[in-house]
C-alpha atoms as a PDB file:
ATOM      1  CA  MET A   1      20.703  19.406   3.241  1.00  0.00           C
ATOM      2  CA  ARG A   2      19.559  19.332  -0.376  1.00  0.00           C
ATOM      3  CA  ARG A   3      15.947  19.582  -1.372  1.00  0.00           C
ATOM      4  CA  ASP A   4      16.031  16.038  -2.825  1.00  0.00           C
ATOM      5  CA  GLU A   5      17.323  14.619   0.447  1.00  0.00           C
ATOM      6  CA  THR A   6      14.626  16.432   2.400  1.00  0.00           C
ATOM      7  CA  ALA A   7      11.931  15.052   0.104  1.00  0.00           C
ATOM      8  CA  ALA A   8      13.365  11.537   0.367  1.00  0.00           C
ATOM      9  CA  ARG A   9      13.371  11.740   4.167  1.00  0.00           C
ATOM     10  CA  ALA A  10       9.803  13.030   4.191  1.00  0.00           C
ATOM     11  CA  LEU A  11       8.712  10.113   1.986  1.00  0.00           C
ATOM     12  CA  ALA A  12      10.520   7.673   4.263  1.00  0.00           C
ATOM     13  CA  LEU A  13       8.746   9.137   7.284  1.00  0.00           C
ATOM     14  CA  ILE A  14       5.372   8.973   5.557  1.00  0.00           C
ATOM     15  CA  GLY A  15       5.990   5.342   4.599  1.00  0.00           C
ATOM     16  CA  LEU A  16       7.134   4.419   8.099  1.00  0.00           C
ATOM     17  CA  ALA A  17       4.191   6.244   9.656  1.00  0.00           C
ATOM     18  CA  GLY A  18       1.860   4.403   7.288  1.00  0.00           C
ATOM     19  CA  VAL A  19       3.251   1.015   8.318  1.00  0.00           C
ATOM     20  CA  VAL A  20       2.997   1.857  12.025  1.00  0.00           C
ATOM     21  CA  ILE A  21      -0.515   3.293  11.698  1.00  0.00           C
ATOM     22  CA  ALA A  22      -1.705   0.345   9.588  1.00  0.00           C
ATOM     23  CA  GLY A  23      -0.427  -2.139  12.169  1.00  0.00           C
ATOM     24  CA  GLY A  24      -1.929  -0.160  15.027  1.00  0.00           C
ATOM     25  CA  ALA A  25      -5.235   0.184  13.215  1.00  0.00           C
ATOM     26  CA  LEU A  26      -5.442  -3.588  12.719  1.00  0.00           C
ATOM     27  CA  ALA A  27      -4.714  -4.132  16.407  1.00  0.00           C
ATOM     28  CA  LEU A  28      -7.382  -1.623  17.410  1.00  0.00           C
ATOM     29  CA  ALA A  29      -9.841  -3.150  14.927  1.00  0.00           C
ATOM     30  CA  ALA A  30      -9.261  -6.531  16.567  1.00  0.00           C
ATOM     31  CA  VAL A  31      -9.935  -5.022  19.983  1.00  0.00           C
ATOM     32  CA  SER A  32     -13.106  -3.246  18.858  1.00  0.00           C
ATOM     33  CA  GLY A  33     -14.448  -6.408  17.213  1.00  0.00           C
ATOM     34  CA  PRO A  34     -16.735  -7.254  14.298  1.00  0.00           C
ATOM     35  CA  PRO A  35     -18.339  -6.369  12.025  1.00  0.00           C
ATOM     36  CA  TYR A  36     -15.243  -5.254  10.191  1.00  0.00           C
ATOM     37  CA  LEU A  37     -16.507  -4.905   6.647  1.00  0.00           C
ATOM     38  CA  ALA A  38     -20.189  -5.715   6.255  1.00  0.00           C
ATOM     39  CA  THR A  39     -23.444  -4.219   5.036  1.00  0.00           C
ATOM     40  CA  SER A  40     -24.386  -3.587   8.652  1.00  0.00           C
ATOM     41  CA  GLY A  41     -21.344  -1.390   9.173  1.00  0.00           C
ATOM     42  CA  VAL A  42     -17.672  -0.790   8.650  1.00  0.00           C
ATOM     43  CA  ASN A  43     -15.171  -0.815  11.477  1.00  0.00           C
ATOM     44  CA  GLY A  44     -13.587   2.635  11.568  1.00  0.00           C
ATOM     45  CA  TRP A  45     -10.182   1.162  12.332  1.00  0.00           C
ATOM     46  CA  LEU A  46     -10.341  -0.819   9.102  1.00  0.00           C
ATOM     47  CA  VAL A  47     -10.820   2.481   7.276  1.00  0.00           C
ATOM     48  CA  VAL A  48      -7.722   3.844   9.036  1.00  0.00           C
ATOM     49  CA  PHE A  49      -5.867   0.687   7.960  1.00  0.00           C
ATOM     50  CA  ALA A  50      -6.950   1.256   4.346  1.00  0.00           C
ATOM     51  CA  VAL A  51      -5.793   4.884   4.348  1.00  0.00           C
ATOM     52  CA  ALA A  52      -2.449   3.995   5.947  1.00  0.00           C
ATOM     53  CA  LEU A  53      -1.849   1.146   3.492  1.00  0.00           C
ATOM     54  CA  PHE A  54      -2.624   3.499   0.627  1.00  0.00           C
ATOM     55  CA  ALA A  55      -0.089   5.993   1.998  1.00  0.00           C
ATOM     56  CA  VAL A  56       2.555   3.267   2.076  1.00  0.00           C
ATOM     57  CA  LEU A  57       1.763   2.117  -1.470  1.00  0.00           C
ATOM     58  CA  PHE A  58       1.720   5.719  -2.689  1.00  0.00           C
ATOM     59  CA  THR A  59       5.222   6.460  -1.391  1.00  0.00           C
ATOM     60  CA  VAL A  60       6.821   3.344  -2.885  1.00  0.00           C
ATOM     61  CA  PRO A  61       7.598   4.591  -6.429  1.00  0.00           C
ATOM     62  CA  PHE A  62       8.932   7.906  -5.168  1.00  0.00           C
ATOM     63  CA  ARG A  63      11.230   6.161  -2.699  1.00  0.00           C
ATOM     64  CA  ILE A  64      12.470   3.799  -5.402  1.00  0.00           C
ATOM     65  CA  GLU A  65      13.112   6.726  -7.745  1.00  0.00           C
ATOM     66  CA  ALA A  66      15.008   8.579  -5.012  1.00  0.00           C
ATOM     67  CA  ARG A  67      17.248   5.550  -4.397  1.00  0.00           C
ATOM     68  CA  LEU A  68      18.059   5.332  -8.100  1.00  0.00           C
ATOM     69  CA  ARG A  69      19.301   8.946  -8.333  1.00  0.00           C
ATOM     70  CA  ASP A  70      22.932   8.016  -7.744  1.00  0.00           C
ATOM     71  CA  ALA A  71      22.870   5.287 -10.385  1.00  0.00           C
ATOM     72  CA  TYR A  72      20.920   7.143 -13.103  1.00  0.00           C
ATOM     73  CA  ALA A  73      21.226  10.855 -13.817  1.00  0.00           C
ATOM     74  CA  ASP A  74      18.262  10.865 -16.209  1.00  0.00           C
ATOM     75  CA  SER A  75      14.879  11.201 -14.518  1.00  0.00           C
ATOM     76  CA  ASP A  76      13.095   9.186 -17.223  1.00  0.00           C
ATOM     77  CA  ALA A  77      15.557   6.310 -16.791  1.00  0.00           C
ATOM     78  CA  ARG A  78      14.859   6.252 -13.050  1.00  0.00           C
ATOM     79  CA  TRP A  79      11.089   6.224 -13.549  1.00  0.00           C
ATOM     80  CA  ASP A  80      11.378   3.533 -16.245  1.00  0.00           C
ATOM     81  CA  ARG A  81      12.806   1.319 -13.519  1.00  0.00           C
ATOM     82  CA  ALA A  82      10.747   2.550 -10.560  1.00  0.00           C
ATOM     83  CA  VAL A  83       7.288   1.998 -12.046  1.00  0.00           C
ATOM     84  CA  PRO A  84       7.721  -1.727 -12.827  1.00  0.00           C
ATOM     85  CA  LEU A  85       9.239  -2.273  -9.378  1.00  0.00           C
ATOM     86  CA  TRP A  86       6.223  -0.503  -7.883  1.00  0.00           C
ATOM     87  CA  GLY A  87       4.037  -2.890  -9.857  1.00  0.00           C
ATOM     88  CA  GLY A  88       5.953  -5.847  -8.453  1.00  0.00           C
ATOM     89  CA  ILE A  89       5.447  -4.628  -4.905  1.00  0.00           C
ATOM     90  CA  ALA A  90       1.759  -3.997  -5.609  1.00  0.00           C
ATOM     91  CA  LEU A  91       1.493  -7.539  -6.979  1.00  0.00           C
ATOM     92  CA  LEU A  92       2.998  -8.889  -3.751  1.00  0.00           C
ATOM     93  CA  VAL A  93       0.501  -6.858  -1.700  1.00  0.00           C
ATOM     94  CA  THR A  94      -2.370  -8.110  -3.868  1.00  0.00           C
ATOM     95  CA  VAL A  95      -1.339 -11.755  -3.584  1.00  0.00           C
ATOM     96  CA  ALA A  96      -0.655 -11.488   0.158  1.00  0.00           C
ATOM     97  CA  GLY A  97      -4.011  -9.775   0.663  1.00  0.00           C
ATOM     98  CA  ALA A  98      -5.785 -12.470  -1.323  1.00  0.00           C
ATOM     99  CA  LEU A  99      -4.070 -15.250   0.624  1.00  0.00           C
ATOM    100  CA  ILE A 100      -4.844 -13.608   3.965  1.00  0.00           C
ATOM    101  CA  GLY A 101      -8.381 -12.890   2.852  1.00  0.00           C
ATOM    102  CA  VAL A 102      -8.948 -16.503   1.790  1.00  0.00           C
ATOM    103  CA  SER A 103      -7.874 -17.640   5.243  1.00  0.00           C
ATOM    104  CA  GLY A 104     -10.713 -15.520   6.618  1.00  0.00           C
ATOM    105  CA  ASP A 105     -13.130 -16.479   3.811  1.00  0.00           C
ATOM    106  CA  PHE A 106     -13.298 -12.789   2.878  1.00  0.00           C
ATOM    107  CA  ALA A 107     -15.971 -12.577   5.568  1.00  0.00           C
ATOM    108  CA  GLY A 108     -17.013  -9.209   6.982  1.00  0.00           C
ATOM    109  CA  ASP A 109     -16.961 -10.535  10.529  1.00  0.00           C
ATOM    110  CA  SER A 110     -13.404 -11.853  10.115  1.00  0.00           C
ATOM    111  CA  LEU A 111     -10.539  -9.410  10.577  1.00  0.00           C
ATOM    112  CA  ALA A 112      -8.274 -11.488   8.326  1.00  0.00           C
ATOM    113  CA  GLY A 113     -10.923 -11.691   5.626  1.00  0.00           C
ATOM    114  CA  SER A 114     -11.687  -7.975   5.751  1.00  0.00           C
ATOM    115  CA  ALA A 115      -8.061  -6.815   5.943  1.00  0.00           C
ATOM    116  CA  GLY A 116      -7.134  -9.215   3.144  1.00  0.00           C
ATOM    117  CA  LEU A 117      -9.927  -7.866   0.975  1.00  0.00           C
ATOM    118  CA  VAL A 118      -8.793  -4.279   1.579  1.00  0.00           C
ATOM    119  CA  ALA A 119      -5.138  -5.119   0.860  1.00  0.00           C
ATOM    120  CA  ALA A 120      -5.979  -7.102  -2.280  1.00  0.00           C
ATOM    121  CA  GLY A 121      -8.218  -4.303  -3.505  1.00  0.00           C
ATOM    122  CA  GLU A 122      -5.654  -1.574  -2.926  1.00  0.00           C
ATOM    123  CA  GLY A 123      -2.850  -3.622  -4.438  1.00  0.00           C
ATOM    124  CA  GLY A 124      -5.062  -4.363  -7.430  1.00  0.00           C
ATOM    125  CA  LEU A 125      -5.840  -0.688  -7.921  1.00  0.00           C
ATOM    126  CA  VAL A 126      -2.131   0.117  -7.903  1.00  0.00           C
ATOM    127  CA  LEU A 127      -1.554  -2.660 -10.446  1.00  0.00           C
ATOM    128  CA  ILE A 128      -4.166  -1.059 -12.706  1.00  0.00           C
ATOM    129  CA  ALA A 129      -2.426   2.310 -12.343  1.00  0.00           C
ATOM    130  CA  VAL A 130       0.963   0.757 -13.127  1.00  0.00           C
ATOM    131  CA  ALA A 131      -0.448  -1.076 -16.139  1.00  0.00           C
ATOM    132  CA  SER A 132      -1.980   2.120 -17.488  1.00  0.00           C
ATOM    133  CA  VAL A 133       1.325   3.983 -17.069  1.00  0.00           C
ATOM    134  CA  LEU A 134       3.297   1.212 -18.761  1.00  0.00           C
ATOM    135  CA  LEU A 135       0.809   0.797 -21.606  1.00  0.00           C
ATOM    136  CA  SER A 136       0.534   4.520 -22.257  1.00  0.00           C
ATOM    137  CA  GLY A 137       4.117   4.621 -23.349  1.00  0.00           C
END
């Protein structure tokens, strides 16, 4: 197995693990109850959700770039396509997080509001990173 294939499989496993852990963390946060994200305290499972979601968002551009290797031999050409796609996915996460958060009034004692706020925030941070990469040339 080539080194590139090994790296691509590792990224896929990290992304899959992130999705599974994020879903499990939300389920465990629901079981443990509020407050989820408030001045009185933060639910530890919501922190696990945030870390897992970040892991998923972090692997996205590398997985896209790996899938483009057969179509584009030039690394710069692959990244020129992967970064905007990463931004599109981050935009979807931001919008979905905002919509979910609005349904929970972005309240700290609402799991939907807290999870939506975390997702919108993380997606927004990725959008800022993508914008800085694209604007830097």
